[in-house]
Amino acid sequence: TIEDTSAVEVRSNLRMEELYQLWQHAAQSAK
């Protein structure tokens, strides 16, 4: 079994308030 070292990922958790801020940021960026 070989683990890829060309890239890695980070597992994290966001609160709903933080996720809402991301949505707001994306919406304003789209506008």
Full PDB file with SEQRES, HELIX, SHEET, SSBOND, CRYST1, ORIGX, SCALE, CONECT and MASTER records, all heavy atoms in Angstrom:
SEQRES   1 A   31  THR ILE GLU ASP THR SER ALA VAL GLU VAL ARG SER ASN          
SEQRES   2 A   31  LEU ARG MET GLU GLU LEU TYR GLN LEU TRP GLN HIS ALA          
SEQRES   3 A   31  ALA GLN SER ALA LYS                                          
HELIX    1 AA1 MET A   16  ALA A   30  1                                  15    
CRYST1    1.000    1.000    1.000  90.00  90.00  90.00 P 1           1          
ORIGX1      1.000000  0.000000  0.000000        0.00000                         
ORIGX2      0.000000  1.000000  0.000000        0.00000                         
ORIGX3      0.000000  0.000000  1.000000        0.00000                         
SCALE1      1.000000  0.000000  0.000000        0.00000                         
SCALE2      0.000000  1.000000  0.000000        0.00000                         
SCALE3      0.000000  0.000000  1.000000        0.00000                         
ATOM      1  N   THR A   1       0.861  -1.179   0.000  1.00  0.00           N  
ATOM      2  CA  THR A   1       0.000   0.000   0.000  1.00  0.00           C  
ATOM      3  C   THR A   1       0.899   1.232   0.000  1.00  0.00           C  
ATOM      4  O   THR A   1       1.785   1.361   0.839  1.00  0.00           O  
ATOM      5  CB  THR A   1      -0.910   0.029   1.238  1.00  0.00           C  
ATOM      6  OG1 THR A   1      -1.718  -1.150   1.246  1.00  0.00           O  
ATOM      7  CG2 THR A   1      -1.812   1.253   1.208  1.00  0.00           C  
ATOM      8  N   ILE A   2       0.673   2.116  -0.975  1.00  0.00           N  
ATOM      9  CA  ILE A   2       1.513   3.298  -1.168  1.00  0.00           C  
ATOM     10  C   ILE A   2       0.686   4.549  -0.898  1.00  0.00           C  
ATOM     11  O   ILE A   2      -0.427   4.688  -1.410  1.00  0.00           O  
ATOM     12  CB  ILE A   2       2.092   3.340  -2.591  1.00  0.00           C  
ATOM     13  CG1 ILE A   2       2.878   2.054  -2.881  1.00  0.00           C  
ATOM     14  CG2 ILE A   2       2.982   4.558  -2.779  1.00  0.00           C  
ATOM     15  CD1 ILE A   2       3.339   1.941  -4.319  1.00  0.00           C  
ATOM     16  N   GLU A   3       1.234   5.431  -0.083  1.00  0.00           N  
ATOM     17  CA  GLU A   3       0.576   6.712   0.209  1.00  0.00           C  
ATOM     18  C   GLU A   3       1.162   7.798  -0.690  1.00  0.00           C  
ATOM     19  O   GLU A   3       2.380   7.952  -0.780  1.00  0.00           O  
ATOM     20  CB  GLU A   3       0.763   7.082   1.681  1.00  0.00           C  
ATOM     21  CG  GLU A   3       0.104   8.392   2.062  1.00  0.00           C  
ATOM     22  CD  GLU A   3       0.290   8.723   3.527  1.00  0.00           C  
ATOM     23  OE1 GLU A   3       0.121   7.819   4.365  1.00  0.00           O  
ATOM     24  OE2 GLU A   3       0.622   9.893   3.834  1.00  0.00           O  
ATOM     25  N   ASP A   4       0.288   8.533  -1.347  1.00  0.00           N  
ATOM     26  CA  ASP A   4       0.708   9.579  -2.270  1.00  0.00           C  
ATOM     27  C   ASP A   4       1.341  10.741  -1.500  1.00  0.00           C  
ATOM     28  O   ASP A   4       0.779  11.240  -0.526  1.00  0.00           O  
ATOM     29  CB  ASP A   4      -0.506  10.078  -3.047  1.00  0.00           C  
ATOM     30  CG  ASP A   4      -0.110  11.001  -4.194  1.00  0.00           C  
ATOM     31  OD1 ASP A   4       1.104  11.240  -4.378  1.00  0.00           O  
ATOM     32  OD2 ASP A   4      -1.017  11.481  -4.901  1.00  0.00           O  
ATOM     33  N   THR A   5       2.531  11.147  -1.929  1.00  0.00           N  
ATOM     34  CA  THR A   5       3.224  12.272  -1.290  1.00  0.00           C  
ATOM     35  C   THR A   5       3.280  13.506  -2.182  1.00  0.00           C  
ATOM     36  O   THR A   5       3.889  14.512  -1.799  1.00  0.00           O  
ATOM     37  CB  THR A   5       4.667  11.867  -0.918  1.00  0.00           C  
ATOM     38  OG1 THR A   5       5.352  11.422  -2.096  1.00  0.00           O  
ATOM     39  CG2 THR A   5       4.673  10.767   0.127  1.00  0.00           C  
ATOM     40  N   SER A   6       2.682  13.437  -3.350  1.00  0.00           N  
ATOM     41  CA  SER A   6       2.684  14.609  -4.222  1.00  0.00           C  
ATOM     42  C   SER A   6       1.716  15.676  -3.726  1.00  0.00           C  
ATOM     43  O   SER A   6       1.855  16.854  -4.048  1.00  0.00           O  
ATOM     44  CB  SER A   6       2.315  14.205  -5.656  1.00  0.00           C  
ATOM     45  OG  SER A   6       1.013  13.638  -5.696  1.00  0.00           O  
ATOM     46  N   ALA A   7       0.728  15.275  -2.937  1.00  0.00           N  
ATOM     47  CA  ALA A   7      -0.236  16.212  -2.360  1.00  0.00           C  
ATOM     48  C   ALA A   7      -0.831  15.565  -1.122  1.00  0.00           C  
ATOM     49  O   ALA A   7      -0.834  14.335  -0.982  1.00  0.00           O  
ATOM     50  CB  ALA A   7      -1.345  16.568  -3.356  1.00  0.00           C  
ATOM     51  N   VAL A   8      -1.292  16.410  -0.195  1.00  0.00           N  
ATOM     52  CA  VAL A   8      -1.928  15.916   1.023  1.00  0.00           C  
ATOM     53  C   VAL A   8      -3.226  16.688   1.239  1.00  0.00           C  
ATOM     54  O   VAL A   8      -3.477  17.709   0.591  1.00  0.00           O  
ATOM     55  CB  VAL A   8      -1.010  16.063   2.261  1.00  0.00           C  
ATOM     56  CG1 VAL A   8       0.206  15.180   2.141  1.00  0.00           C  
ATOM     57  CG2 VAL A   8      -0.609  17.516   2.457  1.00  0.00           C  
ATOM     58  N   GLU A   9      -4.029  16.202   2.152  1.00  0.00           N  
ATOM     59  CA  GLU A   9      -5.267  16.877   2.504  1.00  0.00           C  
ATOM     60  C   GLU A   9      -5.311  17.103   4.007  1.00  0.00           C  
ATOM     61  O   GLU A   9      -4.644  16.402   4.776  1.00  0.00           O  
ATOM     62  CB  GLU A   9      -6.487  16.050   2.073  1.00  0.00           C  
ATOM     63  CG  GLU A   9      -6.646  15.971   0.563  1.00  0.00           C  
ATOM     64  CD  GLU A   9      -7.937  15.263   0.164  1.00  0.00           C  
ATOM     65  OE1 GLU A   9      -8.612  14.709   1.062  1.00  0.00           O  
ATOM     66  OE2 GLU A   9      -8.265  15.264  -1.029  1.00  0.00           O  
ATOM     67  N   VAL A  10      -6.087  18.078   4.407  1.00  0.00           N  
ATOM     68  CA  VAL A  10      -6.293  18.387   5.818  1.00  0.00           C  
ATOM     69  C   VAL A  10      -7.783  18.248   6.101  1.00  0.00           C  
ATOM     70  O   VAL A  10      -8.605  18.847   5.417  1.00  0.00           O  
ATOM     71  CB  VAL A  10      -5.815  19.804   6.165  1.00  0.00           C  
ATOM     72  CG1 VAL A  10      -6.037  20.091   7.652  1.00  0.00           C  
ATOM     73  CG2 VAL A  10      -4.332  19.966   5.820  1.00  0.00           C  
ATOM     74  N   ARG A  11      -8.092  17.445   7.109  1.00  0.00           N  
ATOM     75  CA  ARG A  11      -9.488  17.263   7.516  1.00  0.00           C  
ATOM     76  C   ARG A  11      -9.798  18.218   8.650  1.00  0.00           C  
ATOM     77  O   ARG A  11      -9.072  18.272   9.649  1.00  0.00           O  
ATOM     78  CB  ARG A  11      -9.728  15.824   7.947  1.00  0.00           C  
ATOM     79  CG  ARG A  11     -11.186  15.514   8.270  1.00  0.00           C  
ATOM     80  CD  ARG A  11     -11.396  14.056   8.594  1.00  0.00           C  
ATOM     81  NE  ARG A  11     -10.634  13.663   9.771  1.00  0.00           N  
ATOM     82  CZ  ARG A  11      -9.821  12.634   9.823  1.00  0.00           C  
ATOM     83  NH1 ARG A  11      -9.637  11.896   8.762  1.00  0.00           N  
ATOM     84  NH2 ARG A  11      -9.167  12.325  10.927  1.00  0.00           N  
ATOM     85  N   SER A  12     -10.867  18.977   8.511  1.00  0.00           N  
ATOM     86  CA  SER A  12     -11.226  19.974   9.512  1.00  0.00           C  
ATOM     87  C   SER A  12     -12.739  20.042   9.645  1.00  0.00           C  
ATOM     88  O   SER A  12     -13.473  19.366   8.914  1.00  0.00           O  
ATOM     89  CB  SER A  12     -10.656  21.346   9.130  1.00  0.00           C  
ATOM     90  OG  SER A  12     -10.927  22.302  10.143  1.00  0.00           O  
ATOM     91  N   ASN A  13     -13.199  20.853  10.619  1.00  0.00           N  
ATOM     92  CA  ASN A  13     -14.626  21.031  10.857  1.00  0.00           C  
ATOM     93  C   ASN A  13     -14.934  22.511  10.996  1.00  0.00           C  
ATOM     94  O   ASN A  13     -14.201  23.247  11.671  1.00  0.00           O  
ATOM     95  CB  ASN A  13     -15.074  20.295  12.127  1.00  0.00           C  
ATOM     96  CG  ASN A  13     -14.998  18.789  11.972  1.00  0.00           C  
ATOM     97  OD1 ASN A  13     -13.917  18.220  11.932  1.00  0.00           O  
ATOM     98  ND2 ASN A  13     -16.125  18.134  11.879  1.00  0.00           N  
ATOM     99  N   LEU A  14     -16.003  22.948  10.350  1.00  0.00           N  
ATOM    100  CA  LEU A  14     -16.433  24.340  10.392  1.00  0.00           C  
ATOM    101  C   LEU A  14     -17.762  24.443  11.124  1.00  0.00           C  
ATOM    102  O   LEU A  14     -18.651  23.596  10.937  1.00  0.00           O  
ATOM    103  CB  LEU A  14     -16.605  24.904   8.975  1.00  0.00           C  
ATOM    104  CG  LEU A  14     -15.346  25.051   8.132  1.00  0.00           C  
ATOM    105  CD1 LEU A  14     -15.720  25.459   6.709  1.00  0.00           C  
ATOM    106  CD2 LEU A  14     -14.400  26.080   8.724  1.00  0.00           C  
ATOM    107  N   ARG A  15     -17.871  25.468  11.984  1.00  0.00           N  
ATOM    108  CA  ARG A  15     -19.166  25.755  12.586  1.00  0.00           C  
ATOM    109  C   ARG A  15     -20.090  26.371  11.550  1.00  0.00           C  
ATOM    110  O   ARG A  15     -19.641  26.939  10.557  1.00  0.00           O  
ATOM    111  CB  ARG A  15     -18.994  26.697  13.780  1.00  0.00           C  
ATOM    112  CG  ARG A  15     -18.230  26.058  14.944  1.00  0.00           C  
ATOM    113  CD  ARG A  15     -18.129  26.990  16.131  1.00  0.00           C  
ATOM    114  NE  ARG A  15     -17.250  28.119  15.856  1.00  0.00           N  
ATOM    115  CZ  ARG A  15     -17.645  29.366  15.701  1.00  0.00           C  
ATOM    116  NH1 ARG A  15     -18.940  29.658  15.772  1.00  0.00           N  
ATOM    117  NH2 ARG A  15     -16.785  30.324  15.469  1.00  0.00           N  
ATOM    118  N   MET A  16     -21.378  26.280  11.791  1.00  0.00           N  
ATOM    119  CA  MET A  16     -22.339  26.792  10.828  1.00  0.00           C  
ATOM    120  C   MET A  16     -22.190  28.302  10.650  1.00  0.00           C  
ATOM    121  O   MET A  16     -22.391  28.825   9.549  1.00  0.00           O  
ATOM    122  CB  MET A  16     -23.768  26.462  11.269  1.00  0.00           C  
ATOM    123  CG  MET A  16     -24.158  25.008  11.053  1.00  0.00           C  
ATOM    124  SD  MET A  16     -23.991  24.459   9.334  1.00  0.00           S  
ATOM    125  CE  MET A  16     -25.184  25.522   8.513  1.00  0.00           C  
ATOM    126  N   GLU A  17     -21.800  29.018  11.719  1.00  0.00           N  
ATOM    127  CA  GLU A  17     -21.581  30.460  11.587  1.00  0.00           C  
ATOM    128  C   GLU A  17     -20.425  30.746  10.631  1.00  0.00           C  
ATOM    129  O   GLU A  17     -20.497  31.657   9.796  1.00  0.00           O  
ATOM    130  CB  GLU A  17     -21.304  31.091  12.955  1.00  0.00           C  
ATOM    131  CG  GLU A  17     -22.487  31.075  13.903  1.00  0.00           C  
ATOM    132  CD  GLU A  17     -22.600  29.743  14.639  1.00  0.00           C  
ATOM    133  OE1 GLU A  17     -21.788  28.836  14.347  1.00  0.00           O  
ATOM    134  OE2 GLU A  17     -23.505  29.620  15.488  1.00  0.00           O  
ATOM    135  N   GLU A  18     -19.360  29.943  10.742  1.00  0.00           N  
ATOM    136  CA  GLU A  18     -18.210  30.127   9.854  1.00  0.00           C  
ATOM    137  C   GLU A  18     -18.566  29.752   8.417  1.00  0.00           C  
ATOM    138  O   GLU A  18     -18.145  30.423   7.472  1.00  0.00           O  
ATOM    139  CB  GLU A  18     -17.042  29.288  10.362  1.00  0.00           C  
ATOM    140  CG  GLU A  18     -16.557  29.716  11.740  1.00  0.00           C  
ATOM    141  CD  GLU A  18     -15.634  28.697  12.383  1.00  0.00           C  
ATOM    142  OE1 GLU A  18     -15.672  27.518  11.980  1.00  0.00           O  
ATOM    143  OE2 GLU A  18     -14.890  29.074  13.300  1.00  0.00           O  
ATOM    144  N   LEU A  19     -19.343  28.671   8.271  1.00  0.00           N  
ATOM    145  CA  LEU A  19     -19.765  28.269   6.933  1.00  0.00           C  
ATOM    146  C   LEU A  19     -20.656  29.338   6.309  1.00  0.00           C  
ATOM    147  O   LEU A  19     -20.561  29.610   5.102  1.00  0.00           O  
ATOM    148  CB  LEU A  19     -20.499  26.934   7.003  1.00  0.00           C  
ATOM    149  CG  LEU A  19     -20.888  26.297   5.676  1.00  0.00           C  
ATOM    150  CD1 LEU A  19     -19.649  26.018   4.830  1.00  0.00           C  
ATOM    151  CD2 LEU A  19     -21.656  25.002   5.911  1.00  0.00           C  
ATOM    152  N   TYR A  20     -21.489  29.968   7.113  1.00  0.00           N  
ATOM    153  CA  TYR A  20     -22.352  31.042   6.598  1.00  0.00           C  
ATOM    154  C   TYR A  20     -21.505  32.215   6.101  1.00  0.00           C  
ATOM    155  O   TYR A  20     -21.818  32.837   5.077  1.00  0.00           O  
ATOM    156  CB  TYR A  20     -23.299  31.496   7.703  1.00  0.00           C  
ATOM    157  CG  TYR A  20     -24.168  32.671   7.301  1.00  0.00           C  
ATOM    158  CD1 TYR A  20     -25.244  32.497   6.438  1.00  0.00           C  
ATOM    159  CD2 TYR A  20     -23.897  33.950   7.769  1.00  0.00           C  
ATOM    160  CE1 TYR A  20     -26.038  33.566   6.059  1.00  0.00           C  
ATOM    161  CE2 TYR A  20     -24.679  35.026   7.405  1.00  0.00           C  
ATOM    162  CZ  TYR A  20     -25.752  34.828   6.550  1.00  0.00           C  
ATOM    163  OH  TYR A  20     -26.522  35.890   6.183  1.00  0.00           O  
ATOM    164  N   GLN A  21     -20.426  32.521   6.808  1.00  0.00           N  
ATOM    165  CA  GLN A  21     -19.534  33.597   6.351  1.00  0.00           C  
ATOM    166  C   GLN A  21     -18.893  33.240   5.012  1.00  0.00           C  
ATOM    167  O   GLN A  21     -18.724  34.113   4.145  1.00  0.00           O  
ATOM    168  CB  GLN A  21     -18.457  33.855   7.402  1.00  0.00           C  
ATOM    169  CG  GLN A  21     -19.000  34.438   8.696  1.00  0.00           C  
ATOM    170  CD  GLN A  21     -17.951  34.532   9.778  1.00  0.00           C  
ATOM    171  OE1 GLN A  21     -16.756  34.434   9.497  1.00  0.00           O  
ATOM    172  NE2 GLN A  21     -18.385  34.705  11.015  1.00  0.00           N  
ATOM    173  N   LEU A  22     -18.555  31.966   4.804  1.00  0.00           N  
ATOM    174  CA  LEU A  22     -18.006  31.548   3.512  1.00  0.00           C  
ATOM    175  C   LEU A  22     -19.039  31.722   2.408  1.00  0.00           C  
ATOM    176  O   LEU A  22     -18.728  32.172   1.303  1.00  0.00           O  
ATOM    177  CB  LEU A  22     -17.549  30.093   3.581  1.00  0.00           C  
ATOM    178  CG  LEU A  22     -16.388  29.760   4.517  1.00  0.00           C  
ATOM    179  CD1 LEU A  22     -16.087  28.276   4.474  1.00  0.00           C  
ATOM    180  CD2 LEU A  22     -15.156  30.559   4.171  1.00  0.00           C  
ATOM    181  N   TRP A  23     -20.284  31.350   2.697  1.00  0.00           N  
ATOM    182  CA  TRP A  23     -21.342  31.514   1.700  1.00  0.00           C  
ATOM    183  C   TRP A  23     -21.537  32.991   1.353  1.00  0.00           C  
ATOM    184  O   TRP A  23     -21.695  33.344   0.192  1.00  0.00           O  
ATOM    185  CB  TRP A  23     -22.642  30.934   2.238  1.00  0.00           C  
ATOM    186  CG  TRP A  23     -22.671  29.441   2.264  1.00  0.00           C  
ATOM    187  CD1 TRP A  23     -21.887  28.592   1.538  1.00  0.00           C  
ATOM    188  CD2 TRP A  23     -23.510  28.618   3.067  1.00  0.00           C  
ATOM    189  NE1 TRP A  23     -22.184  27.291   1.837  1.00  0.00           N  
ATOM    190  CE2 TRP A  23     -23.187  27.262   2.777  1.00  0.00           C  
ATOM    191  CE3 TRP A  23     -24.495  28.867   4.008  1.00  0.00           C  
ATOM    192  CZ2 TRP A  23     -23.828  26.198   3.384  1.00  0.00           C  
ATOM    193  CZ3 TRP A  23     -25.142  27.797   4.607  1.00  0.00           C  
ATOM    194  CH2 TRP A  23     -24.810  26.483   4.298  1.00  0.00           C  
ATOM    195  N   GLN A  24     -21.527  33.832   2.398  1.00  0.00           N  
ATOM    196  CA  GLN A  24     -21.687  35.258   2.152  1.00  0.00           C  
ATOM    197  C   GLN A  24     -20.541  35.805   1.313  1.00  0.00           C  
ATOM    198  O   GLN A  24     -20.735  36.609   0.396  1.00  0.00           O  
ATOM    199  CB  GLN A  24     -21.757  36.016   3.487  1.00  0.00           C  
ATOM    200  CG  GLN A  24     -23.031  35.765   4.275  1.00  0.00           C  
ATOM    201  CD  GLN A  24     -24.237  36.350   3.573  1.00  0.00           C  
ATOM    202  OE1 GLN A  24     -24.956  35.656   2.857  1.00  0.00           O  
ATOM    203  NE2 GLN A  24     -24.464  37.627   3.751  1.00  0.00           N  
ATOM    204  N   HIS A  25     -19.347  35.379   1.624  1.00  0.00           N  
ATOM    205  CA  HIS A  25     -18.168  35.817   0.866  1.00  0.00           C  
ATOM    206  C   HIS A  25     -18.279  35.393  -0.591  1.00  0.00           C  
ATOM    207  O   HIS A  25     -18.007  36.173  -1.510  1.00  0.00           O  
ATOM    208  CB  HIS A  25     -16.919  35.221   1.504  1.00  0.00           C  
ATOM    209  CG  HIS A  25     -15.635  35.621   0.833  1.00  0.00           C  
ATOM    210  ND1 HIS A  25     -15.141  34.956  -0.270  1.00  0.00           N  
ATOM    211  CD2 HIS A  25     -14.766  36.620   1.089  1.00  0.00           C  
ATOM    212  CE1 HIS A  25     -14.020  35.518  -0.647  1.00  0.00           C  
ATOM    213  NE2 HIS A  25     -13.770  36.533   0.157  1.00  0.00           N  
ATOM    214  N   ALA A  26     -18.697  34.130  -0.823  1.00  0.00           N  
ATOM    215  CA  ALA A  26     -18.833  33.634  -2.192  1.00  0.00           C  
ATOM    216  C   ALA A  26     -19.922  34.392  -2.937  1.00  0.00           C  
ATOM    217  O   ALA A  26     -19.777  34.715  -4.123  1.00  0.00           O  
ATOM    218  CB  ALA A  26     -19.129  32.142  -2.176  1.00  0.00           C  
ATOM    219  N   ALA A  27     -21.034  34.691  -2.253  1.00  0.00           N  
ATOM    220  CA  ALA A  27     -22.120  35.410  -2.907  1.00  0.00           C  
ATOM    221  C   ALA A  27     -21.697  36.815  -3.304  1.00  0.00           C  
ATOM    222  O   ALA A  27     -21.973  37.275  -4.418  1.00  0.00           O  
ATOM    223  CB  ALA A  27     -23.332  35.462  -1.974  1.00  0.00           C  
ATOM    224  N   GLN A  28     -20.998  37.518  -2.408  1.00  0.00           N  
ATOM    225  CA  GLN A  28     -20.558  38.875  -2.730  1.00  0.00           C  
ATOM    226  C   GLN A  28     -19.478  38.865  -3.804  1.00  0.00           C  
ATOM    227  O   GLN A  28     -19.415  39.759  -4.643  1.00  0.00           O  
ATOM    228  CB  GLN A  28     -20.061  39.566  -1.465  1.00  0.00           C  
ATOM    229  CG  GLN A  28     -21.155  39.797  -0.437  1.00  0.00           C  
ATOM    230  CD  GLN A  28     -20.695  40.650   0.716  1.00  0.00           C  
ATOM    231  OE1 GLN A  28     -19.656  41.300   0.644  1.00  0.00           O  
ATOM    232  NE2 GLN A  28     -21.472  40.645   1.787  1.00  0.00           N  
ATOM    233  N   SER A  29     -18.626  37.831  -3.781  1.00  0.00           N  
ATOM    234  CA  SER A  29     -17.606  37.724  -4.828  1.00  0.00           C  
ATOM    235  C   SER A  29     -18.253  37.497  -6.185  1.00  0.00           C  
ATOM    236  O   SER A  29     -17.816  38.039  -7.200  1.00  0.00           O  
ATOM    237  CB  SER A  29     -16.630  36.583  -4.508  1.00  0.00           C  
ATOM    238  OG  SER A  29     -15.955  36.832  -3.301  1.00  0.00           O  
ATOM    239  N   ALA A  30     -19.319  36.670  -6.206  1.00  0.00           N  
ATOM    240  CA  ALA A  30     -20.015  36.410  -7.470  1.00  0.00           C  
ATOM    241  C   ALA A  30     -20.663  37.688  -7.985  1.00  0.00           C  
ATOM    242  O   ALA A  30     -20.668  37.949  -9.190  1.00  0.00           O  
ATOM    243  CB  ALA A  30     -21.051  35.313  -7.275  1.00  0.00           C  
ATOM    244  N   LYS A  31     -21.216  38.484  -7.081  1.00  0.00           N  
ATOM    245  CA  LYS A  31     -21.840  39.735  -7.508  1.00  0.00           C  
ATOM    246  C   LYS A  31     -20.824  40.696  -8.103  1.00  0.00           C  
ATOM    247  O   LYS A  31     -21.105  41.438  -9.034  1.00  0.00           O  
ATOM    248  CB  LYS A  31     -22.536  40.388  -6.318  1.00  0.00           C  
ATOM    249  CG  LYS A  31     -23.784  39.667  -5.856  1.00  0.00           C  
ATOM    250  CD  LYS A  31     -24.422  40.391  -4.676  1.00  0.00           C  
ATOM    251  CE  LYS A  31     -25.668  39.657  -4.204  1.00  0.00           C  
ATOM    252  NZ  LYS A  31     -26.274  40.327  -3.038  1.00  0.00           N  
TER     253      LYS A  31                                                      
MASTER        0    0    0    1    0    0    0    6  252    1    0    3          
END                                                                             
